Amino acid sequence: MANDCVQKNEINDLKIENIVIDDPCKDEQDAAVNECLSNGCSEKEAFYFGAVAWGNCMKELSIRA
């Protein structure tokens, strides 16, 4: 299988489709983005602020599982 995916340090383009039914951390992410924007963050800063909140939420969920 590995030879099918990697040849001469090149990775073949495998199209993998993931369907996300529910994102349990979306509310936390949106709240963080909105808080950052209301405090004067740029769109890019707010995006990363939301990403951190989403990552922390996902980590917390994985610890509970």
PDB file of N, CA and C in Angstrom:
ATOM      1  N   MET A   1       0.830  -1.198   0.000  1.00  0.00           N
ATOM      2  CA  MET A   1       0.000   0.000   0.000  1.00  0.00           C
ATOM      3  C   MET A   1       0.870   1.256   0.000  1.00  0.00           C
ATOM      4  N   ALA A   2       1.945   1.241   0.781  1.00  0.00           N
ATOM      5  CA  ALA A   2       2.792   2.431   0.857  1.00  0.00           C
ATOM      6  C   ALA A   2       3.375   2.785  -0.505  1.00  0.00           C
ATOM      7  N   ASN A   3       3.714   1.763  -1.286  1.00  0.00           N
ATOM      8  CA  ASN A   3       4.266   2.035  -2.609  1.00  0.00           C
ATOM      9  C   ASN A   3       3.245   2.678  -3.531  1.00  0.00           C
ATOM     10  N   ASP A   4       1.961   2.405  -3.310  1.00  0.00           N
ATOM     11  CA  ASP A   4       0.919   3.026  -4.116  1.00  0.00           C
ATOM     12  C   ASP A   4       0.798   4.517  -3.819  1.00  0.00           C
ATOM     13  N   CYS A   5       1.115   4.920  -2.605  1.00  0.00           N
ATOM     14  CA  CYS A   5       0.937   6.313  -2.184  1.00  0.00           C
ATOM     15  C   CYS A   5       2.185   7.159  -2.390  1.00  0.00           C
ATOM     16  N   VAL A   6       3.348   6.582  -2.152  1.00  0.00           N
ATOM     17  CA  VAL A   6       4.575   7.376  -2.182  1.00  0.00           C
ATOM     18  C   VAL A   6       5.567   6.729  -3.141  1.00  0.00           C
ATOM     19  N   GLN A   7       6.011   7.504  -4.105  1.00  0.00           N
ATOM     20  CA  GLN A   7       7.026   7.042  -5.034  1.00  0.00           C
ATOM     21  C   GLN A   7       8.029   8.167  -5.231  1.00  0.00           C
ATOM     22  N   LYS A   8       9.279   7.887  -4.977  1.00  0.00           N
ATOM     23  CA  LYS A   8      10.340   8.874  -5.176  1.00  0.00           C
ATOM     24  C   LYS A   8      10.019  10.196  -4.482  1.00  0.00           C
ATOM     25  N   ASN A   9       9.635  10.127  -3.222  1.00  0.00           N
ATOM     26  CA  ASN A   9       9.332  11.298  -2.401  1.00  0.00           C
ATOM     27  C   ASN A   9       8.177  12.132  -2.932  1.00  0.00           C
ATOM     28  N   GLU A  10       7.301  11.551  -3.721  1.00  0.00           N
ATOM     29  CA  GLU A  10       6.125  12.254  -4.213  1.00  0.00           C
ATOM     30  C   GLU A  10       4.881  11.559  -3.684  1.00  0.00           C
ATOM     31  N   ILE A  11       3.935  12.340  -3.276  1.00  0.00           N
ATOM     32  CA  ILE A  11       2.683  11.796  -2.776  1.00  0.00           C
ATOM     33  C   ILE A  11       1.639  11.929  -3.876  1.00  0.00           C
ATOM     34  N   ASN A  12       1.019  10.819  -4.213  1.00  0.00           N
ATOM     35  CA  ASN A  12      -0.048  10.852  -5.214  1.00  0.00           C
ATOM     36  C   ASN A  12      -1.249  11.582  -4.641  1.00  0.00           C
ATOM     37  N   ASP A  13      -1.982  12.226  -5.506  1.00  0.00           N
ATOM     38  CA  ASP A  13      -3.165  12.975  -5.092  1.00  0.00           C
ATOM     39  C   ASP A  13      -4.317  12.005  -4.861  1.00  0.00           C
ATOM     40  N   LEU A  14      -4.552  11.663  -3.607  1.00  0.00           N
ATOM     41  CA  LEU A  14      -5.663  10.791  -3.255  1.00  0.00           C
ATOM     42  C   LEU A  14      -6.806  11.667  -2.797  1.00  0.00           C
ATOM     43  N   LYS A  15      -7.915  11.542  -3.451  1.00  0.00           N
ATOM     44  CA  LYS A  15      -9.067  12.367  -3.100  1.00  0.00           C
ATOM     45  C   LYS A  15      -9.846  11.676  -1.985  1.00  0.00           C
ATOM     46  N   ILE A  16      -9.825  12.283  -0.821  1.00  0.00           N
ATOM     47  CA  ILE A  16     -10.522  11.752   0.339  1.00  0.00           C
ATOM     48  C   ILE A  16     -11.618  12.737   0.703  1.00  0.00           C
ATOM     49  N   GLU A  17     -12.808  12.232   0.858  1.00  0.00           N
ATOM     50  CA  GLU A  17     -13.939  13.095   1.185  1.00  0.00           C
ATOM     51  C   GLU A  17     -14.408  12.788   2.603  1.00  0.00           C
ATOM     52  N   ASN A  18     -14.420  13.799   3.425  1.00  0.00           N
ATOM     53  CA  ASN A  18     -14.954  13.671   4.777  1.00  0.00           C
ATOM     54  C   ASN A  18     -16.230  14.467   4.863  1.00  0.00           C
ATOM     55  N   ILE A  19     -17.231  13.870   5.406  1.00  0.00           N
ATOM     56  CA  ILE A  19     -18.496  14.561   5.588  1.00  0.00           C
ATOM     57  C   ILE A  19     -18.655  14.839   7.079  1.00  0.00           C
ATOM     58  N   VAL A  20     -18.693  16.116   7.428  1.00  0.00           N
ATOM     59  CA  VAL A  20     -18.847  16.511   8.820  1.00  0.00           C
ATOM     60  C   VAL A  20     -20.325  16.729   9.085  1.00  0.00           C
ATOM     61  N   ILE A  21     -20.860  15.923   9.965  1.00  0.00           N
ATOM     62  CA  ILE A  21     -22.281  16.019  10.282  1.00  0.00           C
ATOM     63  C   ILE A  21     -22.517  17.071  11.356  1.00  0.00           C
ATOM     64  N   ASP A  22     -21.638  17.111  12.333  1.00  0.00           N
ATOM     65  CA  ASP A  22     -21.814  18.033  13.451  1.00  0.00           C
ATOM     66  C   ASP A  22     -20.444  18.532  13.890  1.00  0.00           C
ATOM     67  N   ASP A  23     -20.359  19.801  14.196  1.00  0.00           N
ATOM     68  CA  ASP A  23     -19.118  20.375  14.712  1.00  0.00           C
ATOM     69  C   ASP A  23     -19.412  20.889  16.111  1.00  0.00           C
ATOM     70  N   PRO A  24     -19.068  20.101  17.127  1.00  0.00           N
ATOM     71  CA  PRO A  24     -19.417  20.479  18.499  1.00  0.00           C
ATOM     72  C   PRO A  24     -18.691  21.726  19.000  1.00  0.00           C
ATOM     73  N   CYS A  25     -17.678  22.182  18.283  1.00  0.00           N
ATOM     74  CA  CYS A  25     -16.901  23.333  18.738  1.00  0.00           C
ATOM     75  C   CYS A  25     -17.166  24.591  17.923  1.00  0.00           C
ATOM     76  N   LYS A  26     -18.133  24.534  17.025  1.00  0.00           N
ATOM     77  CA  LYS A  26     -18.431  25.679  16.158  1.00  0.00           C
ATOM     78  C   LYS A  26     -18.875  26.897  16.959  1.00  0.00           C
ATOM     79  N   ASP A  27     -19.689  26.691  17.990  1.00  0.00           N
ATOM     80  CA  ASP A  27     -20.159  27.823  18.799  1.00  0.00           C
ATOM     81  C   ASP A  27     -19.005  28.525  19.502  1.00  0.00           C
ATOM     82  N   GLU A  28     -18.070  27.737  20.061  1.00  0.00           N
ATOM     83  CA  GLU A  28     -16.907  28.324  20.727  1.00  0.00           C
ATOM     84  C   GLU A  28     -16.040  29.091  19.733  1.00  0.00           C
ATOM     85  N   GLN A  29     -15.882  28.526  18.545  1.00  0.00           N
ATOM     86  CA  GLN A  29     -15.091  29.185  17.511  1.00  0.00           C
ATOM     87  C   GLN A  29     -15.733  30.507  17.102  1.00  0.00           C
ATOM     88  N   ASP A  30     -17.034  30.487  16.845  1.00  0.00           N
ATOM     89  CA  ASP A  30     -17.737  31.705  16.438  1.00  0.00           C
ATOM     90  C   ASP A  30     -17.684  32.771  17.523  1.00  0.00           C
ATOM     91  N   ALA A  31     -17.836  32.354  18.784  1.00  0.00           N
ATOM     92  CA  ALA A  31     -17.786  33.309  19.894  1.00  0.00           C
ATOM     93  C   ALA A  31     -16.408  33.957  19.984  1.00  0.00           C
ATOM     94  N   ALA A  32     -15.361  33.160  19.795  1.00  0.00           N
ATOM     95  CA  ALA A  32     -13.999  33.694  19.858  1.00  0.00           C
ATOM     96  C   ALA A  32     -13.738  34.673  18.716  1.00  0.00           C
ATOM     97  N   VAL A  33     -14.197  34.330  17.519  1.00  0.00           N
ATOM     98  CA  VAL A  33     -14.030  35.225  16.367  1.00  0.00           C
ATOM     99  C   VAL A  33     -14.750  36.540  16.619  1.00  0.00           C
ATOM    100  N   ASN A  34     -15.992  36.458  17.070  1.00  0.00           N
ATOM    101  CA  ASN A  34     -16.774  37.674  17.322  1.00  0.00           C
ATOM    102  C   ASN A  34     -16.172  38.524  18.433  1.00  0.00           C
ATOM    103  N   GLU A  35     -15.658  37.877  19.483  1.00  0.00           N
ATOM    104  CA  GLU A  35     -15.017  38.622  20.574  1.00  0.00           C
ATOM    105  C   GLU A  35     -13.785  39.358  20.064  1.00  0.00           C
ATOM    106  N   CYS A  36     -12.993  38.673  19.265  1.00  0.00           N
ATOM    107  CA  CYS A  36     -11.781  39.286  18.730  1.00  0.00           C
ATOM    108  C   CYS A  36     -12.126  40.472  17.826  1.00  0.00           C
ATOM    109  N   LEU A  37     -13.111  40.279  16.949  1.00  0.00           N
ATOM    110  CA  LEU A  37     -13.512  41.367  16.052  1.00  0.00           C
ATOM    111  C   LEU A  37     -14.047  42.563  16.828  1.00  0.00           C
ATOM    112  N   SER A  38     -14.793  42.299  17.900  1.00  0.00           N
ATOM    113  CA  SER A  38     -15.346  43.404  18.691  1.00  0.00           C
ATOM    114  C   SER A  38     -14.262  44.152  19.457  1.00  0.00           C
ATOM    115  N   ASN A  39     -13.104  43.516  19.642  1.00  0.00           N
ATOM    116  CA  ASN A  39     -11.982  44.167  20.317  1.00  0.00           C
ATOM    117  C   ASN A  39     -10.993  44.789  19.335  1.00  0.00           C
ATOM    118  N   GLY A  40     -11.373  44.848  18.058  1.00  0.00           N
ATOM    119  CA  GLY A  40     -10.541  45.538  17.080  1.00  0.00           C
ATOM    120  C   GLY A  40      -9.579  44.672  16.293  1.00  0.00           C
ATOM    121  N   CYS A  41      -9.713  43.362  16.374  1.00  0.00           N
ATOM    122  CA  CYS A  41      -8.843  42.479  15.592  1.00  0.00           C
ATOM    123  C   CYS A  41      -9.161  42.604  14.105  1.00  0.00           C
ATOM    124  N   SER A  42      -8.174  42.303  13.294  1.00  0.00           N
ATOM    125  CA  SER A  42      -8.420  42.204  11.855  1.00  0.00           C
ATOM    126  C   SER A  42      -9.109  40.868  11.575  1.00  0.00           C
ATOM    127  N   GLU A  43      -9.598  40.702  10.351  1.00  0.00           N
ATOM    128  CA  GLU A  43     -10.245  39.436   9.970  1.00  0.00           C
ATOM    129  C   GLU A  43      -9.276  38.263  10.119  1.00  0.00           C
ATOM    130  N   LYS A  44      -8.017  38.465   9.724  1.00  0.00           N
ATOM    131  CA  LYS A  44      -7.024  37.388   9.828  1.00  0.00           C
ATOM    132  C   LYS A  44      -6.742  37.036  11.277  1.00  0.00           C
ATOM    133  N   GLU A  45      -6.583  38.049  12.126  1.00  0.00           N
ATOM    134  CA  GLU A  45      -6.351  37.783  13.547  1.00  0.00           C
ATOM    135  C   GLU A  45      -7.532  37.040  14.152  1.00  0.00           C
ATOM    136  N   ALA A  46      -8.737  37.453  13.801  1.00  0.00           N
ATOM    137  CA  ALA A  46      -9.938  36.814  14.331  1.00  0.00           C
ATOM    138  C   ALA A  46     -10.022  35.364  13.870  1.00  0.00           C
ATOM    139  N   PHE A  47      -9.632  35.103  12.625  1.00  0.00           N
ATOM    140  CA  PHE A  47      -9.633  33.732  12.114  1.00  0.00           C
ATOM    141  C   PHE A  47      -8.738  32.849  12.972  1.00  0.00           C
ATOM    142  N   TYR A  48      -7.520  33.301  13.251  1.00  0.00           N
ATOM    143  CA  TYR A  48      -6.592  32.499  14.040  1.00  0.00           C
ATOM    144  C   TYR A  48      -7.030  32.401  15.499  1.00  0.00           C
ATOM    145  N   PHE A  49      -7.612  33.453  16.027  1.00  0.00           N
ATOM    146  CA  PHE A  49      -8.151  33.424  17.388  1.00  0.00           C
ATOM    147  C   PHE A  49      -9.241  32.359  17.474  1.00  0.00           C
ATOM    148  N   GLY A  50     -10.108  32.308  16.469  1.00  0.00           N
ATOM    149  CA  GLY A  50     -11.153  31.287  16.419  1.00  0.00           C
ATOM    150  C   GLY A  50     -10.585  29.890  16.254  1.00  0.00           C
ATOM    151  N   ALA A  51      -9.529  29.767  15.465  1.00  0.00           N
ATOM    152  CA  ALA A  51      -8.900  28.460  15.261  1.00  0.00           C
ATOM    153  C   ALA A  51      -8.320  27.916  16.558  1.00  0.00           C
ATOM    154  N   VAL A  52      -7.728  28.784  17.356  1.00  0.00           N
ATOM    155  CA  VAL A  52      -7.185  28.360  18.650  1.00  0.00           C
ATOM    156  C   VAL A  52      -8.313  27.897  19.565  1.00  0.00           C
ATOM    157  N   ALA A  53      -9.402  28.648  19.598  1.00  0.00           N
ATOM    158  CA  ALA A  53     -10.543  28.265  20.434  1.00  0.00           C
ATOM    159  C   ALA A  53     -11.110  26.923  19.981  1.00  0.00           C
ATOM    160  N   TRP A  54     -11.206  26.723  18.666  1.00  0.00           N
ATOM    161  CA  TRP A  54     -11.715  25.468  18.127  1.00  0.00           C
ATOM    162  C   TRP A  54     -10.788  24.312  18.508  1.00  0.00           C
ATOM    163  N   GLY A  55      -9.477  24.517  18.365  1.00  0.00           N
ATOM    164  CA  GLY A  55      -8.503  23.481  18.714  1.00  0.00           C
ATOM    165  C   GLY A  55      -8.536  23.129  20.186  1.00  0.00           C
ATOM    166  N   ASN A  56      -8.646  24.138  21.038  1.00  0.00           N
ATOM    167  CA  ASN A  56      -8.727  23.877  22.479  1.00  0.00           C
ATOM    168  C   ASN A  56      -9.985  23.100  22.825  1.00  0.00           C
ATOM    169  N   CYS A  57     -11.090  23.448  22.185  1.00  0.00           N
ATOM    170  CA  CYS A  57     -12.349  22.745  22.412  1.00  0.00           C
ATOM    171  C   CYS A  57     -12.234  21.287  21.975  1.00  0.00           C
ATOM    172  N   MET A  58     -11.666  21.050  20.803  1.00  0.00           N
ATOM    173  CA  MET A  58     -11.515  19.678  20.307  1.00  0.00           C
ATOM    174  C   MET A  58     -10.598  18.867  21.219  1.00  0.00           C
ATOM    175  N   LYS A  59      -9.542  19.496  21.728  1.00  0.00           N
ATOM    176  CA  LYS A  59      -8.637  18.803  22.639  1.00  0.00           C
ATOM    177  C   LYS A  59      -9.376  18.419  23.916  1.00  0.00           C
ATOM    178  N   GLU A  60     -10.186  19.332  24.431  1.00  0.00           N
ATOM    179  CA  GLU A  60     -10.958  19.061  25.636  1.00  0.00           C
ATOM    180  C   GLU A  60     -11.941  17.911  25.402  1.00  0.00           C
ATOM    181  N   LEU A  61     -12.577  17.891  24.248  1.00  0.00           N
ATOM    182  CA  LEU A  61     -13.510  16.806  23.928  1.00  0.00           C
ATOM    183  C   LEU A  61     -12.793  15.466  23.826  1.00  0.00           C
ATOM    184  N   SER A  62     -11.594  15.454  23.266  1.00  0.00           N
ATOM    185  CA  SER A  62     -10.860  14.195  23.129  1.00  0.00           C
ATOM    186  C   SER A  62     -10.375  13.689  24.477  1.00  0.00           C
ATOM    187  N   ILE A  63     -10.109  14.595  25.412  1.00  0.00           N
ATOM    188  CA  ILE A  63      -9.692  14.181  26.755  1.00  0.00           C
ATOM    189  C   ILE A  63     -10.859  13.524  27.480  1.00  0.00           C
ATOM    190  N   ARG A  64     -12.061  14.060  27.278  1.00  0.00           N
ATOM    191  CA  ARG A  64     -13.255  13.511  27.930  1.00  0.00           C
ATOM    192  C   ARG A  64     -13.648  12.150  27.372  1.00  0.00           C
ATOM    193  N   ALA A  65     -13.312  11.898  26.118  1.00  0.00           N
ATOM    194  CA  ALA A  65     -13.768  10.661  25.454  1.00  0.00           C
ATOM    195  C   ALA A  65     -13.057   9.431  25.933  1.00  0.00           C
TER     196      ALA A  65
END
